[in-house]
Protein backbone atom coordinates (compact mmCIF):
# COMPACT_ATOMS: atom_id res chain seq x y z
CA UNK A 1 74.35 106.48 108.65
CA UNK A 2 76.86 108.23 106.39
CA UNK A 3 78.85 109.41 109.42
CA UNK A 4 78.78 105.88 110.86
CA UNK A 5 80.06 104.41 107.59
CA UNK A 6 82.90 106.91 107.37
CA UNK A 7 83.84 105.95 110.91
CA UNK A 8 83.88 102.29 109.91
CA UNK A 9 86.33 102.84 107.04
CA UNK A 10 88.74 104.76 109.27
CA UNK A 11 88.39 102.10 111.98
CA UNK A 12 89.08 99.24 109.55
CA UNK A 13 92.13 100.95 108.05
CA UNK A 14 93.65 101.67 111.48
CA UNK A 15 92.84 98.22 112.82
CA UNK A 16 94.52 96.36 109.95
CA UNK A 17 97.52 98.66 110.05
CA UNK A 18 97.84 97.94 113.78
CA UNK A 19 97.69 94.14 113.47
CA UNK A 20 99.61 93.85 110.18
CA UNK A 21 102.77 92.46 111.82
CA UNK A 22 100.83 89.51 113.30
CA UNK A 23 98.12 89.15 110.67
CA UNK A 24 99.56 86.26 108.63
CA UNK A 25 100.43 84.17 111.68
CA UNK A 26 97.02 84.68 113.27
CA UNK A 27 95.17 84.14 110.00
CA UNK A 28 96.75 80.74 109.39
CA UNK A 29 96.82 79.66 113.04
CA UNK A 30 93.27 80.62 113.96
CA UNK A 31 91.85 79.03 110.80
CA UNK A 32 94.01 75.91 111.35
CA UNK A 33 95.47 76.54 107.90
CA UNK A 34 92.13 76.01 106.16
CA UNK A 35 92.31 79.53 104.70
CA UNK A 36 95.15 78.27 102.45
CA UNK A 37 92.83 75.58 101.03
CA UNK A 38 90.09 78.17 100.48
CA UNK A 39 92.43 80.38 98.43
CA UNK A 40 93.42 77.40 96.31
CA UNK A 41 89.73 76.91 95.62
CA UNK A 42 89.52 80.47 94.28
CA UNK A 43 92.48 79.81 92.02
CA UNK A 44 91.04 76.55 90.72
CA UNK A 45 87.68 78.21 90.07
CA UNK A 46 89.34 80.95 88.00
CA UNK A 47 91.57 78.50 86.12
CA UNK A 48 88.75 77.68 83.70
CA UNK A 49 88.71 81.23 82.31
CA UNK A 50 92.53 81.66 82.23
CA UNK A 51 92.54 85.35 83.27
CA UNK A 52 95.57 87.34 82.13
CA UNK A 53 94.89 90.55 84.03
CA UNK A 54 93.60 90.24 87.61
CA UNK A 55 92.62 92.79 90.25
CA UNK A 56 92.73 91.63 93.88
CA UNK A 57 90.71 94.05 96.04
CA UNK A 58 91.36 94.26 99.80
CA UNK A 59 94.51 92.29 99.04
CA UNK A 60 95.94 92.67 102.56
CA UNK A 61 99.31 90.93 102.72
CA UNK A 62 98.77 89.53 99.22
CA UNK A 63 98.21 85.85 100.05
CA UNK A 64 95.52 85.44 97.39
CA UNK A 65 97.48 87.45 94.80
CA UNK A 66 100.46 85.15 95.37
CA UNK A 67 98.28 82.05 95.01
CA UNK A 68 96.77 83.42 91.78
CA UNK A 69 100.23 83.65 90.21
CA UNK A 70 99.90 79.92 89.60
CA UNK A 71 97.38 80.81 86.87
CA UNK A 72 100.25 82.34 84.85
CA UNK A 73 98.64 85.77 84.41
CA UNK A 74 100.43 88.68 82.78
CA UNK A 75 99.64 91.01 85.68
CA UNK A 76 98.00 91.05 89.11
CA UNK A 77 97.27 94.35 90.84
CA UNK A 78 96.41 94.25 94.54
CA UNK A 79 94.77 97.22 96.25
CA UNK A 80 94.10 97.86 99.93
CA UNK A 81 93.49 100.82 102.23
CA UNK A 82 95.93 99.55 104.90
CA UNK A 83 99.47 100.56 103.99
CA UNK A 84 101.17 98.40 106.64
CA UNK A 85 99.46 95.29 105.27
CA UNK A 86 100.68 96.19 101.77
CA UNK A 87 104.23 96.69 103.04
CA UNK A 88 104.30 93.14 104.41
CA UNK A 89 102.77 91.87 101.18
CA UNK A 90 105.48 93.61 99.15
CA UNK A 91 108.20 91.92 101.21
CA UNK A 92 106.63 88.50 100.57
CA UNK A 93 106.31 89.19 96.85
CA UNK A 94 109.95 90.24 96.52
CA UNK A 95 111.09 87.19 98.52
CA UNK A 96 109.12 84.92 96.18
CA UNK A 97 110.44 86.85 93.12
CA UNK A 98 106.93 87.66 91.94
CA UNK A 99 107.37 91.44 91.84
CA UNK A 100 107.34 91.49 88.03
CA UNK A 101 103.81 90.05 88.05
CA UNK A 102 102.20 91.42 91.24
CA UNK A 103 101.96 95.14 91.94
CA UNK A 104 100.47 96.38 95.23
CA UNK A 105 99.08 99.85 95.81
CA UNK A 106 96.88 101.88 98.13
CA UNK A 107 93.33 101.80 96.80
CA UNK A 108 89.73 102.24 97.91
CA UNK A 109 87.29 99.52 96.82
CA UNK A 110 84.62 102.14 96.14
CA UNK A 111 86.84 104.46 94.08
CA UNK A 112 89.06 102.29 91.93
CA UNK A 113 91.46 104.25 89.72
CA UNK A 114 91.18 101.87 86.75
CA UNK A 115 89.31 102.42 83.51
CA UNK A 116 86.17 100.53 82.56
CA UNK A 117 86.59 97.00 81.17
CA UNK A 118 90.20 96.56 82.34
CA UNK A 119 90.38 93.17 84.09
CA UNK A 120 89.60 89.57 83.15
CA UNK A 121 88.96 88.73 86.81
CA UNK A 122 88.45 90.59 90.08
CA UNK A 123 88.89 88.84 93.43
CA UNK A 124 88.24 89.68 97.07
CA UNK A 125 89.11 87.40 99.98
CA UNK A 126 87.64 88.20 103.39
CA UNK A 127 87.20 91.86 102.46
CA UNK A 128 83.68 92.64 101.23
CA UNK A 129 82.21 92.58 104.73
CA UNK A 130 84.52 95.51 105.53
CA UNK A 131 83.24 97.67 102.65
CA UNK A 132 81.82 100.99 103.77
CA UNK A 133 79.16 100.85 101.04
CA UNK A 134 78.72 97.30 99.74
CA UNK A 135 76.76 98.24 96.61
CA UNK A 136 79.25 100.95 95.66
CA UNK A 137 82.12 98.47 95.99
CA UNK A 138 80.35 95.75 94.00
CA UNK A 139 79.45 98.18 91.21
CA UNK A 140 83.02 99.49 91.01
CA UNK A 141 84.38 95.97 90.61
CA UNK A 142 81.79 95.30 87.92
CA UNK A 143 82.78 98.51 86.13
CA UNK A 144 86.46 97.54 85.86
CA UNK A 145 85.70 93.97 84.75
CA UNK A 146 85.68 93.20 81.05
CA UNK A 147 82.31 92.01 79.70
CA UNK A 148 82.05 88.34 80.66
CA UNK A 149 84.85 88.74 83.21
CA UNK A 150 84.65 86.83 86.50
CA UNK A 151 84.19 88.15 90.03
CA UNK A 152 85.27 85.75 92.81
CA UNK A 153 84.46 86.67 96.41
CA UNK A 154 85.71 84.52 99.28
CA UNK A 155 84.08 85.41 102.58
CA UNK A 156 83.30 83.97 105.99
CA UNK A 157 79.81 82.61 106.50
CA UNK A 158 77.91 80.95 109.33
CA UNK A 159 77.39 77.18 109.60
CA UNK A 160 73.75 76.31 110.27
CA UNK A 161 73.85 72.65 111.32
CA UNK A 162 74.28 71.18 114.80
CA UNK A 163 76.84 70.76 116.35
CA UNK A 164 79.16 72.78 114.09
CA UNK A 165 77.01 75.89 114.46
CA UNK A 166 77.37 75.83 118.26
CA UNK A 167 81.11 75.03 118.16
CA UNK A 168 81.70 77.75 115.56
CA UNK A 169 79.79 80.37 117.59
CA UNK A 170 81.70 79.47 120.76
CA UNK A 171 85.05 79.62 118.98
CA UNK A 172 84.26 82.93 117.27
CA UNK A 173 82.81 84.56 120.37
CA UNK A 174 85.30 83.46 123.01
CA UNK A 175 88.43 81.68 121.76
CA UNK A 176 89.32 83.76 118.69
CA UNK A 177 88.98 87.23 120.33
CA UNK A 178 90.97 86.16 123.40
CA UNK A 179 93.85 84.55 121.49
CA UNK A 180 93.85 87.31 118.89
CA UNK A 181 94.10 89.99 121.57
CA UNK A 182 96.96 88.22 123.38
CA UNK A 183 99.05 87.67 120.25
CA UNK A 184 98.32 90.93 118.40
CA UNK A 185 98.05 93.17 121.49
CA UNK A 186 95.04 94.80 119.87
CA UNK A 187 91.90 95.13 121.96
CA UNK A 188 89.21 95.16 119.30
CA UNK A 189 90.53 93.56 116.09
CA UNK A 190 89.43 90.03 116.90
CA UNK A 191 86.10 91.03 118.41
CA UNK A 192 85.44 93.01 115.22
CA UNK A 193 85.89 89.85 113.14
CA UNK A 194 82.96 87.84 114.59
CA UNK A 195 80.82 90.99 114.77
CA UNK A 196 81.43 91.76 111.09
CA UNK A 197 80.71 88.16 110.08
CA UNK A 198 77.43 88.21 112.01
CA UNK A 199 76.40 91.47 110.34
CA UNK A 200 77.31 90.40 106.80
CA UNK A 201 74.56 89.56 104.31
CA UNK A 202 75.61 86.04 103.30
CA UNK A 203 74.24 83.30 101.09
CA UNK A 204 71.15 84.17 99.07
CA UNK A 205 71.18 87.71 100.49
CA UNK A 206 74.64 88.33 99.06
CA UNK A 207 73.65 86.80 95.72
CA UNK A 208 70.81 89.33 95.63
CA UNK A 209 73.32 92.13 96.30
CA UNK A 210 75.37 90.88 93.34
CA UNK A 211 72.33 90.87 91.06
CA UNK A 212 71.43 94.34 92.27
CA UNK A 213 74.92 95.44 91.17
CA UNK A 214 74.19 94.02 87.67
CA UNK A 215 76.17 90.80 87.88
CA UNK A 216 75.03 87.72 85.96
CA UNK A 217 75.39 83.97 86.58
CA UNK A 218 75.68 84.44 90.33
CA UNK A 219 76.62 81.30 92.26
CA UNK A 220 77.69 80.30 95.75
CA UNK A 221 79.79 77.36 96.92
CA UNK A 222 79.76 76.69 100.66
CA UNK A 223 83.19 75.57 101.89
CA UNK A 224 84.19 73.59 104.99
CA UNK A 225 80.60 72.95 106.13
CA UNK A 226 79.63 76.59 105.65
CA UNK A 227 82.46 78.30 107.55
CA UNK A 228 83.30 80.16 104.34
CA UNK A 229 81.57 80.69 101.00
CA UNK A 230 83.00 81.30 97.54
CA UNK A 231 80.72 83.49 95.45
CA UNK A 232 81.23 83.85 91.71
CA UNK A 233 79.53 86.05 89.13
CA UNK A 234 80.00 87.39 85.61
CA UNK A 235 80.15 91.02 84.54
């Protein structure tokens, strides 16, 4: 199992580096732009606590970090294992003149470099299902949160009601991998996506994982008929 997990981390890093140049286009196109609405939901959820120092884990090309700037924080740090994704994120941040607020750096979700009790909020959008060791990643994020700080996790989930469930499964299994492969020229990236969503412990199972990692006040909010879920918890 350990060898398999190590292989997964290397695979994920290479895959996202390979598709980085097409990632934003495909992300917005294949989700019909709904991913933008989901990120706004994260921002609105965090607005109640007015976080001044935010960590965005698995930040990718920094879309969520950029959205969170609307909260007027003092600092946002985004970490990711895929350097090419970060490079694109840095270009976007400079273009939007947000480089004094957002800093991006290479970082492993399970070995964060930050001291205990550093951040008011920690966020992850569409990243936790890629963690090599989910519990290790959740505990690390808890460690760097200040007491009472907020964790917000945005992740894909699976609709359960007819006919959306059937349409969703067809789209994820056939349409998304085919279009993703044609546009990104990457054989496995968009077959990995539905496979990773299917394997992810969502809903009540994920809330149990959060509790196991010593989070409190765990909640879930199903978005867009269950296509995605926003999980929140307190350190």
